[in-house]
Amino acid sequence: MQLPVVNFEICTGGKGSQKLYMTEQHSDVDYVKFVSLFRQLIPKESYAHPGLINKDTLNALCGLASTESDRKLIRYAACHSRGLTQRKSSKEYGVSNFKVVQSAVEESLQEA
C-alpha cells in the first residue's frame, strides 16, 4: 500500500462492533459511495450477532493457550459473555462441562 491512504469505519451493529479499514486513496473514487457499497458487502449475520465468536475461532484461541486453566477461562468467557446455558454452550461451542468450568472460574474469582 502506498501513501496517501483513506481510513473509514464500518459499524456492523451495536456499541463495540466498529471496524476500521484502510485503503490507498484514489482521486477518482467517491469514498462516501464506496463506504455505502462496502457496508452492503458485509454478511448480514454479522449485523444480527455483532462480536459473535464461532466454534472454530474459539477452538483456535484455545489452541493458542499454554495451559488447561487458560483454555477453561477462554471457554468460560465466550459462553458467559453470551449468557449461554449448559445445553447451548454444548451445542454452539462444544463445551460439554460449562457448569463445572463456570463453578471453577467463579470460585477462583472469589478466592482472588
C-alpha atoms as a PDB file:
ATOM      1  CA  MET A   1       0.000   0.000   0.000  1.00  0.00           C
ATOM      2  CA  GLN A   2       1.209   3.479  -0.782  1.00  0.00           C
ATOM      3  CA  LEU A   3       0.506   6.880   0.747  1.00  0.00           C
ATOM      4  CA  PRO A   4      -1.835   8.697   0.791  1.00  0.00           C
ATOM      5  CA  VAL A   5      -4.374   6.372   2.380  1.00  0.00           C
ATOM      6  CA  VAL A   6      -8.025   6.617   3.384  1.00  0.00           C
ATOM      7  CA  ASN A   7      -9.352   5.236   6.669  1.00  0.00           C
ATOM      8  CA  PHE A   8     -13.021   4.567   7.227  1.00  0.00           C
ATOM      9  CA  GLU A   9     -15.092   2.972   9.934  1.00  0.00           C
ATOM     10  CA  ILE A  10     -17.845   0.448   9.391  1.00  0.00           C
ATOM     11  CA  CYS A  11     -20.254  -0.235  12.242  1.00  0.00           C
ATOM     12  CA  THR A  12     -21.881  -3.676  11.891  1.00  0.00           C
ATOM     13  CA  GLY A  13     -24.181  -3.488  14.861  1.00  0.00           C
ATOM     14  CA  GLY A  14     -24.279  -2.048  18.324  1.00  0.00           C
ATOM     15  CA  LYS A  15     -21.649  -0.497  20.508  1.00  0.00           C
ATOM     16  CA  GLY A  16     -18.212  -2.065  20.121  1.00  0.00           C
ATOM     17  CA  SER A  17     -18.852  -3.516  16.673  1.00  0.00           C
ATOM     18  CA  GLN A  18     -16.947  -0.888  14.715  1.00  0.00           C
ATOM     19  CA  LYS A  19     -14.202  -1.971  12.352  1.00  0.00           C
ATOM     20  CA  LEU A  20     -11.577   0.305  10.865  1.00  0.00           C
ATOM     21  CA  TYR A  21     -10.469  -0.219   7.267  1.00  0.00           C
ATOM     22  CA  MET A  22      -7.653   1.371   5.290  1.00  0.00           C
ATOM     23  CA  THR A  23      -7.106   1.606   1.551  1.00  0.00           C
ATOM     24  CA  GLU A  24      -4.991   3.573  -0.870  1.00  0.00           C
ATOM     25  CA  GLN A  25      -6.508   6.904  -1.842  1.00  0.00           C
ATOM     26  CA  HIS A  26      -7.503   7.328  -5.473  1.00  0.00           C
ATOM     27  CA  SER A  27      -8.663  10.679  -6.790  1.00  0.00           C
ATOM     28  CA  ASP A  28     -11.407   9.173  -8.959  1.00  0.00           C
ATOM     29  CA  VAL A  29     -13.163   7.361  -6.062  1.00  0.00           C
ATOM     30  CA  ASP A  30     -16.141   8.832  -4.203  1.00  0.00           C
ATOM     31  CA  TYR A  31     -15.465   7.447  -0.725  1.00  0.00           C
ATOM     32  CA  VAL A  32     -18.945   8.267   0.578  1.00  0.00           C
ATOM     33  CA  LYS A  33     -20.408   5.931  -2.058  1.00  0.00           C
ATOM     34  CA  PHE A  34     -17.557   3.473  -1.545  1.00  0.00           C
ATOM     35  CA  VAL A  35     -18.296   3.105   2.173  1.00  0.00           C
ATOM     36  CA  SER A  36     -22.003   2.699   1.441  1.00  0.00           C
ATOM     37  CA  LEU A  37     -21.308  -0.077  -1.069  1.00  0.00           C
ATOM     38  CA  PHE A  38     -18.664  -1.654   1.135  1.00  0.00           C
ATOM     39  CA  ARG A  39     -21.116  -1.908   4.010  1.00  0.00           C
ATOM     40  CA  GLN A  40     -23.545  -3.809   1.775  1.00  0.00           C
ATOM     41  CA  LEU A  41     -20.857  -6.466   1.243  1.00  0.00           C
ATOM     42  CA  ILE A  42     -20.665  -7.307   4.956  1.00  0.00           C
ATOM     43  CA  PRO A  43     -22.598 -10.525   5.662  1.00  0.00           C
ATOM     44  CA  LYS A  44     -25.985  -9.876   7.252  1.00  0.00           C
ATOM     45  CA  GLU A  45     -25.299 -12.385  10.041  1.00  0.00           C
ATOM     46  CA  SER A  46     -22.625 -10.034  11.383  1.00  0.00           C
ATOM     47  CA  TYR A  47     -25.396  -7.469  11.945  1.00  0.00           C
ATOM     48  CA  ALA A  48     -27.562  -9.970  13.793  1.00  0.00           C
ATOM     49  CA  HIS A  49     -24.772 -11.122  16.116  1.00  0.00           C
ATOM     50  CA  PRO A  50     -22.068  -8.448  16.347  1.00  0.00           C
ATOM     51  CA  GLY A  51     -18.945  -9.704  18.029  1.00  0.00           C
ATOM     52  CA  LEU A  52     -20.107 -13.319  17.946  1.00  0.00           C
ATOM     53  CA  ILE A  53     -17.263 -15.800  18.048  1.00  0.00           C
ATOM     54  CA  ASN A  54     -17.779 -19.029  16.151  1.00  0.00           C
ATOM     55  CA  LYS A  55     -16.778 -22.515  17.308  1.00  0.00           C
ATOM     56  CA  ASP A  56     -13.733 -22.722  15.028  1.00  0.00           C
ATOM     57  CA  THR A  57     -12.369 -19.402  16.275  1.00  0.00           C
ATOM     58  CA  LEU A  58     -12.939 -20.447  19.891  1.00  0.00           C
ATOM     59  CA  ASN A  59     -11.060 -23.705  19.282  1.00  0.00           C
ATOM     60  CA  ALA A  60      -8.216 -21.797  17.604  1.00  0.00           C
ATOM     61  CA  LEU A  61      -7.962 -19.443  20.595  1.00  0.00           C
ATOM     62  CA  CYS A  62      -7.951 -22.394  22.973  1.00  0.00           C
ATOM     63  CA  GLY A  63      -5.202 -23.970  20.884  1.00  0.00           C
ATOM     64  CA  LEU A  64      -3.047 -20.897  21.486  1.00  0.00           C
ATOM     65  CA  ALA A  65      -3.465 -21.145  25.259  1.00  0.00           C
ATOM     66  CA  SER A  66      -0.496 -22.642  27.060  1.00  0.00           C
ATOM     67  CA  THR A  67      -2.357 -24.270  29.946  1.00  0.00           C
ATOM     68  CA  GLU A  68      -5.642 -26.052  30.500  1.00  0.00           C
ATOM     69  CA  SER A  69      -6.694 -23.399  33.005  1.00  0.00           C
ATOM     70  CA  ASP A  70      -6.232 -20.728  30.316  1.00  0.00           C
ATOM     71  CA  ARG A  71      -8.374 -22.771  27.923  1.00  0.00           C
ATOM     72  CA  LYS A  72     -11.075 -23.007  30.602  1.00  0.00           C
ATOM     73  CA  LEU A  73     -11.019 -19.232  31.041  1.00  0.00           C
ATOM     74  CA  ILE A  74     -11.346 -18.670  27.292  1.00  0.00           C
ATOM     75  CA  ARG A  75     -14.281 -21.083  27.037  1.00  0.00           C
ATOM     76  CA  TYR A  76     -15.891 -19.548  30.123  1.00  0.00           C
ATOM     77  CA  ALA A  77     -15.534 -16.021  28.717  1.00  0.00           C
ATOM     78  CA  ALA A  78     -17.070 -16.999  25.376  1.00  0.00           C
ATOM     79  CA  CYS A  79     -20.061 -18.763  26.939  1.00  0.00           C
ATOM     80  CA  HIS A  80     -20.555 -16.333  29.816  1.00  0.00           C
ATOM     81  CA  SER A  81     -20.436 -13.212  27.633  1.00  0.00           C
ATOM     82  CA  ARG A  82     -23.386 -14.563  25.660  1.00  0.00           C
ATOM     83  CA  GLY A  83     -25.251 -15.840  28.731  1.00  0.00           C
ATOM     84  CA  LEU A  84     -25.360 -19.393  27.397  1.00  0.00           C
ATOM     85  CA  THR A  85     -26.894 -22.246  29.343  1.00  0.00           C
ATOM     86  CA  GLN A  86     -25.254 -25.658  29.754  1.00  0.00           C
ATOM     87  CA  ARG A  87     -27.176 -27.007  26.750  1.00  0.00           C
ATOM     88  CA  LYS A  88     -26.486 -24.038  24.461  1.00  0.00           C
ATOM     89  CA  SER A  89     -22.796 -23.888  25.370  1.00  0.00           C
ATOM     90  CA  SER A  90     -22.511 -27.545  24.432  1.00  0.00           C
ATOM     91  CA  LYS A  91     -24.470 -27.120  21.198  1.00  0.00           C
ATOM     92  CA  GLU A  92     -22.830 -23.910  19.950  1.00  0.00           C
ATOM     93  CA  TYR A  93     -19.265 -24.242  21.247  1.00  0.00           C
ATOM     94  CA  GLY A  94     -18.889 -27.911  22.128  1.00  0.00           C
ATOM     95  CA  VAL A  95     -18.292 -27.041  25.798  1.00  0.00           C
ATOM     96  CA  SER A  96     -19.855 -30.055  27.447  1.00  0.00           C
ATOM     97  CA  ASN A  97     -18.928 -29.154  31.021  1.00  0.00           C
ATOM     98  CA  PHE A  98     -19.780 -25.448  31.157  1.00  0.00           C
ATOM     99  CA  LYS A  99     -21.328 -25.639  34.636  1.00  0.00           C
ATOM    100  CA  VAL A 100     -18.132 -27.218  36.013  1.00  0.00           C
ATOM    101  CA  VAL A 101     -15.966 -24.614  34.271  1.00  0.00           C
ATOM    102  CA  GLN A 102     -18.271 -21.822  35.442  1.00  0.00           C
ATOM    103  CA  SER A 103     -18.098 -23.012  39.067  1.00  0.00           C
ATOM    104  CA  ALA A 104     -14.307 -23.323  38.980  1.00  0.00           C
ATOM    105  CA  VAL A 105     -13.817 -19.861  37.476  1.00  0.00           C
ATOM    106  CA  GLU A 106     -16.275 -18.184  39.856  1.00  0.00           C
ATOM    107  CA  GLU A 107     -14.644 -19.926  42.835  1.00  0.00           C
ATOM    108  CA  SER A 108     -11.234 -18.716  41.697  1.00  0.00           C
ATOM    109  CA  LEU A 109     -12.580 -15.180  41.309  1.00  0.00           C
ATOM    110  CA  GLN A 110     -13.903 -15.214  44.866  1.00  0.00           C
ATOM    111  CA  GLU A 111     -10.574 -16.501  46.204  1.00  0.00           C
ATOM    112  CA  ALA A 112      -8.714 -13.763  44.332  1.00  0.00           C
END
